Structures are given as structure tokens and as C-alpha cells.
Amino acid sequence: MTAFRLGDLRQHTDILRLRNGKTLTVRFVEPGDASALQGYFRSLSVRSRYNRFLGAMSELPESELDHFIHVGERDRFSVIAVMTIDGIESIAGEARYGFEADTASLEFGISIDDRWQGQGIGSALLRNLECRATALGATRMFGDTLRSNDVMMGVARKSGFAFTRHPDDWKLVRFEKHLDAAPQEIPCASWRLVAQQSAVQAVA
């Protein structure tokens, strides 16, 4: 899949409502987000960065940051979850995911800003990723986390993921979920766009 055009990216933006009544905007990362995204990773606690990258890292290497901001290359995607407080946008979380067409699987990793943890953002982002995965044609999504990452494991468990042994690393645990063909209970812009395209093709 080639990288999306900037105009295409914005069609996939979703506005989610959290359990505390606040709204969360989930959108694809754009090239202009590079500085803010790097600042977000630097602001995470040492533990949160370690959990996200499964090892010590103070910031994203420039080459990796470049991958984050070019959405769609090699079927790899990055989204940010943005909160607006007093008119100022702040990144509250992010996710990076990749789609493998051969296995109809989507692998992902997420992080939530330490200041926003415990407010349902992780669960909301996982539900949104589930819809985006199905829109790509995935029938399975999975992620890996450290066995010591109780927070991520708790969010995954509440979101219906099952846990299995990691095939290569005993320090990690894999959580995965099989997806229904139509995420009717988890609407997102990506799914609606796919449905619209299918309807147009059916008429043609």
C-alpha cells in the first residue's frame, strides 16, 4: 500500500467519548506532528517508555520517527489520540499498527500519557483500533507486552483479548483477539469509508 495523501488521512479521524464525558480525537499522524510526537515520547515516564518499546529508550530515533509520520508505507500506520484543553491540543496517547494481508492479522502497540492513564483512553483506543483493523480486512489483531506490564494486560483483558505465550521471548506475553467481519457495534470513519466504497461498487 502506498502512503496516503494528506487529504485522505483526515477522512479517517474519529471523535470518541470517554466515560468521564470528555472527547478524544483519534487521527492519523501527519508529517507536521513530528515535533509534538517526539515531545510526547520524551515526556513519558521511564517506565512507560520501557513498556512501550520493550526496552530502554529516551526518544524515538530519527529513522523511526520518520516511519511514524509517513502513514501507509508497507501497510504500517500511526495514530495519535488528542485531547483539547482550554483550546490547546495535547497528545494523550498513540498507537502504531501494521497489517499483514497474508495472514489477515494486525499487530499493534500503544501508549498513554502518564497524566491521562486510568481514564479509559486505552480501552477507547483499543476499540477504535479494532474497527480500523477490520476495515483493512484483518480477522485477528494482537500485541506483545512485558509480563510485568500489569496495566496493559488489564486493559487488554477487559477489552476481550486472550493471552498466549510469546513464541520467541519468555519476558513477553502475547494478547490477541479474533475480529468479526463487521464491527457494527464499534463504528469508525475507516469502516464507514469501506462500506461506502462497497456500496458504490455494488451499484456499478
Protein backbone atom coordinates (compact mmCIF):
# COMPACT_ATOMS: atom_id res chain seq x y z
CA MET A 1 0.00 0.00 0.00
CA THR A 2 1.37 3.44 -0.84
CA ALA A 3 1.40 6.28 1.67
CA PHE A 4 -1.87 8.15 2.00
CA ARG A 5 -2.26 11.70 0.70
CA LEU A 6 -2.79 14.30 3.43
CA GLY A 7 -6.38 14.86 2.32
CA ASP A 8 -7.05 11.13 2.61
CA LEU A 9 -5.74 10.99 6.17
CA ARG A 10 -8.31 13.34 7.59
CA GLN A 11 -11.21 11.22 6.36
CA HIS A 12 -10.23 8.61 8.95
CA THR A 13 -10.49 10.90 12.00
CA ASP A 14 -12.74 9.72 14.85
CA ILE A 15 -14.20 11.59 17.83
CA LEU A 16 -14.57 9.25 20.80
CA ARG A 17 -16.43 9.93 24.03
CA LEU A 18 -14.76 8.76 27.22
CA ARG A 19 -16.59 7.52 30.29
CA ASN A 20 -15.93 10.84 32.08
CA GLY A 21 -17.75 12.71 29.32
CA LYS A 22 -14.63 14.17 27.71
CA THR A 23 -13.99 13.71 23.99
CA LEU A 24 -10.91 12.25 22.38
CA THR A 25 -9.88 12.80 18.77
CA VAL A 26 -8.09 9.88 17.11
CA ARG A 27 -6.41 10.67 13.82
CA PHE A 28 -3.53 9.55 11.65
CA VAL A 29 -0.16 11.14 12.36
CA GLU A 30 0.85 13.79 9.83
CA PRO A 31 4.38 14.98 8.96
CA GLY A 32 3.74 18.22 10.85
CA ASP A 33 3.22 16.20 14.06
CA ALA A 34 6.87 15.08 14.20
CA SER A 35 7.99 17.53 16.88
CA ALA A 36 4.89 17.08 19.05
CA LEU A 37 5.11 13.29 18.79
CA GLN A 38 8.78 13.27 19.77
CA GLY A 39 7.93 15.58 22.67
CA TYR A 40 5.19 13.17 23.74
CA PHE A 41 7.59 10.22 23.91
CA ARG A 42 10.17 12.26 25.80
CA SER A 43 7.53 13.29 28.36
CA LEU A 44 6.54 9.70 29.17
CA SER A 45 7.90 8.27 32.40
CA VAL A 46 10.90 5.96 32.11
CA ARG A 47 8.65 3.02 32.96
CA SER A 48 6.02 3.94 30.35
CA ARG A 49 8.65 4.27 27.61
CA TYR A 50 10.21 0.97 28.66
CA ASN A 51 6.82 -0.74 28.50
CA ARG A 52 6.02 0.80 25.10
CA PHE A 53 9.28 -0.11 23.39
CA LEU A 54 10.06 -3.24 25.43
CA GLY A 55 13.39 -1.76 26.42
CA ALA A 56 15.22 1.40 27.44
CA MET A 57 14.72 4.37 25.10
CA SER A 58 14.66 8.10 25.82
CA GLU A 59 13.16 9.16 22.49
CA LEU A 60 12.40 7.87 19.01
CA PRO A 61 15.46 7.62 16.75
CA GLU A 62 15.08 9.93 13.75
CA SER A 63 14.72 6.98 11.38
CA GLU A 64 11.90 5.52 13.49
CA LEU A 65 10.20 8.91 13.84
CA ASP A 66 10.26 9.16 10.04
CA HIS A 67 8.39 5.84 9.84
CA PHE A 68 5.80 7.08 12.33
CA ILE A 69 4.93 10.19 10.33
CA HIS A 70 4.61 8.50 6.92
CA VAL A 71 1.32 6.68 7.20
CA GLY A 72 0.57 3.72 4.97
CA GLU A 73 4.10 2.80 3.90
CA ARG A 74 4.46 -1.00 3.91
CA ASP A 75 0.96 -1.14 5.45
CA ARG A 76 2.21 0.48 8.67
CA PHE A 77 0.08 3.15 10.33
CA SER A 78 0.36 5.55 13.27
CA VAL A 79 -2.44 7.37 15.07
CA ILE A 80 -2.48 9.86 17.92
CA ALA A 81 -5.23 10.39 20.49
CA VAL A 82 -5.60 14.11 21.09
CA MET A 83 -7.30 15.94 23.98
CA THR A 84 -8.18 19.63 23.68
CA ILE A 85 -7.98 21.53 26.97
CA ASP A 86 -8.69 25.28 27.02
CA GLY A 87 -8.24 25.36 23.26
CA ILE A 88 -4.82 23.69 23.35
CA GLU A 89 -4.28 20.29 21.76
CA SER A 90 -2.29 17.72 23.71
CA ILE A 91 -1.34 14.17 22.71
CA ALA A 92 -2.85 11.85 25.32
CA GLY A 93 -1.87 8.58 23.62
CA GLU A 94 -0.64 6.95 20.43
CA ALA A 95 -0.72 3.68 18.58
CA ARG A 96 1.33 2.12 15.81
CA TYR A 97 -0.01 -0.83 13.85
CA GLY A 98 0.85 -2.96 10.88
CA PHE A 99 -1.37 -5.08 8.64
CA GLU A 100 -0.21 -8.41 7.18
CA ALA A 101 -2.50 -9.33 4.29
CA ASP A 102 -1.16 -12.89 4.00
CA THR A 103 -2.41 -13.78 7.49
CA ALA A 104 -5.19 -11.15 7.74
CA SER A 105 -3.54 -10.07 11.01
CA LEU A 106 -2.91 -6.67 12.54
CA GLU A 107 -0.10 -6.20 15.07
CA PHE A 108 -0.13 -3.11 17.25
CA GLY A 109 1.47 -1.28 20.15
CA ILE A 110 0.02 1.60 22.16
CA SER A 111 0.95 4.02 24.93
CA ILE A 112 -0.99 6.50 27.04
CA ASP A 113 0.45 9.66 28.60
CA ASP A 114 1.06 9.03 32.30
CA ARG A 115 -1.12 12.04 33.19
CA TRP A 116 -4.12 10.54 31.36
CA GLN A 117 -3.86 6.93 32.45
CA GLY A 118 -6.83 5.43 34.30
CA GLN A 119 -9.45 7.47 32.43
CA GLY A 120 -10.48 4.91 29.83
CA ILE A 121 -8.33 6.23 26.98
CA GLY A 122 -6.55 2.91 26.49
CA SER A 123 -9.80 0.98 26.22
CA ALA A 124 -11.31 3.55 23.85
CA LEU A 125 -8.21 3.46 21.65
CA LEU A 126 -8.25 -0.34 21.53
CA ARG A 127 -11.90 -0.35 20.41
CA ASN A 128 -11.06 2.16 17.71
CA LEU A 129 -8.10 0.09 16.54
CA GLU A 130 -10.37 -2.95 16.34
CA CYS A 131 -12.62 -1.12 13.91
CA ARG A 132 -9.69 0.18 11.86
CA ALA A 133 -8.26 -3.35 11.72
CA THR A 134 -11.49 -4.79 10.37
CA ALA A 135 -11.69 -2.02 7.77
CA LEU A 136 -8.29 -3.15 6.50
CA GLY A 137 -9.56 -6.73 6.24
CA ALA A 138 -7.97 -8.13 9.40
CA THR A 139 -9.64 -11.05 11.16
CA ARG A 140 -7.16 -11.08 14.04
CA MET A 141 -5.28 -8.43 15.99
CA PHE A 142 -2.53 -8.93 18.51
CA GLY A 143 0.14 -7.21 20.55
CA ASP A 144 3.06 -8.10 22.78
CA THR A 145 3.87 -6.68 26.19
CA LEU A 146 6.20 -7.31 29.09
CA ARG A 147 4.92 -9.75 31.68
CA SER A 148 5.47 -7.01 34.24
CA ASN A 149 3.16 -4.55 32.44
CA ASP A 150 0.06 -5.14 34.58
CA VAL A 151 -1.71 -2.03 33.27
CA MET A 152 -1.57 -3.06 29.61
CA MET A 153 -2.53 -6.62 30.45
CA GLY A 154 -5.51 -5.36 32.47
CA VAL A 155 -6.75 -3.12 29.65
CA ALA A 156 -6.34 -5.93 27.11
CA ARG A 157 -8.18 -8.40 29.33
CA LYS A 158 -11.12 -6.00 29.82
CA SER A 159 -11.21 -5.47 26.05
CA GLY A 160 -11.71 -9.18 25.39
CA PHE A 161 -8.19 -10.22 24.40
CA ALA A 162 -6.92 -13.71 25.19
CA PHE A 163 -3.36 -14.32 26.39
CA THR A 164 -0.84 -16.77 24.97
CA ARG A 165 2.86 -17.46 25.39
CA HIS A 166 5.12 -15.36 23.20
CA PRO A 167 6.76 -17.60 20.59
CA ASP A 168 10.24 -16.10 20.93
CA ASP A 169 10.74 -14.28 24.25
CA TRP A 170 9.83 -15.56 27.70
CA LYS A 171 9.81 -11.99 29.10
CA LEU A 172 6.85 -11.12 26.87
CA VAL A 173 3.23 -12.18 26.74
CA ARG A 174 1.07 -12.02 23.61
CA PHE A 175 -2.57 -10.92 23.69
CA GLU A 176 -4.81 -11.44 20.70
CA LYS A 177 -8.42 -11.15 19.60
CA HIS A 178 -10.34 -12.56 16.66
CA LEU A 179 -12.45 -9.97 14.88
CA ASP A 180 -15.97 -10.15 13.48
CA ALA A 181 -16.47 -9.36 9.81
CA ALA A 182 -18.47 -6.19 10.51
CA PRO A 183 -17.73 -4.02 13.56
CA GLN A 184 -21.29 -2.75 13.79
CA GLU A 185 -21.00 -2.00 17.50
CA ILE A 186 -17.67 -0.20 17.09
CA PRO A 187 -18.19 2.34 14.31
CA CYS A 188 -15.26 4.32 12.97
CA ALA A 189 -14.62 6.51 9.95
CA SER A 190 -12.40 3.87 8.31
CA TRP A 191 -15.18 1.30 8.40
CA ARG A 192 -17.74 3.77 7.05
CA LEU A 193 -15.45 4.63 4.13
CA VAL A 194 -15.05 0.94 3.28
CA ALA A 195 -18.82 0.43 3.49
CA GLN A 196 -19.42 3.40 1.18
CA GLN A 197 -16.91 2.10 -1.36
CA SER A 198 -18.55 -1.33 -1.29
CA ALA A 199 -21.98 0.21 -1.85
CA VAL A 200 -20.72 2.21 -4.84
CA GLN A 201 -19.08 -0.87 -6.36
CA ALA A 202 -22.28 -2.87 -5.87
CA VAL A 203 -24.32 -0.25 -7.72
CA ALA A 204 -21.76 -0.06 -10.54
